[in-house]
Amino acid sequence: MGKILVGEVMSNNPLMMEKDVILFDAIKISVNKGASAIIVTDKDIPVGIVTDRDIITKVVYRALNPFEIKLEDIMTKPIITIRKDDPLEKAAMIINKKKIRKLPVIDDGKIVGLLSENNIVKISPYLLLIAEKEESNESKKEIDEDIYYTGICEGCGKFSYELKYKNGMFLCPDCIKDY
């Protein structure tokens, strides 16, 4: 049996909404579609993600009014992503390392899916535990080198699905060699 790829396990067609959508409206749409995460966009460019956990910790816990909050007010940015053709083990390591539950999936320069902890557990219940053990055993090996972020490059100001974090900056492939 070969390696399982992210694209084989991910959920397709993630829910996307513009950053100025009112949270209450976003929640209604999300519930109706059965989505637990929203990719937040600015003129169709992904700029953040809002998960059910964000809503609980950033709105409900603080007793804020969801009629007065926009998605951009509570989104997490930049977005950590993974490629559709990456092995599931890599996704499990990123989820463990970054303490996240949802991982947008990119292919051909766009977000095409969403991978969750639940997707991984359904396929391989022990994979997250194995990834956690490998991470502690290989603490000197930085997985951050393998993590892609989606957002605006701090070097040139252009949008990229392949930002890397280097020297305190999020940089695109063209700019990273200059820093």
Foldseek 3Di string as FASTA:
>chain_A
DDFDFQLVQFAWDAAEDEQQDQQVVVVVVCVVVVHQKYQYDHVPAGFFMDGVVLCCPVDVVVVHDSRPDTNNVRTDDFAKAEERGHGPLLVLLCCLVVVDFKHFYDDPFDGTGIDGPVSVCVVPVCSNVVSVVVCVVPVVDDSLQVIATFDAFPPPRDTGRGWGQDPNTTHDPVCPVVD
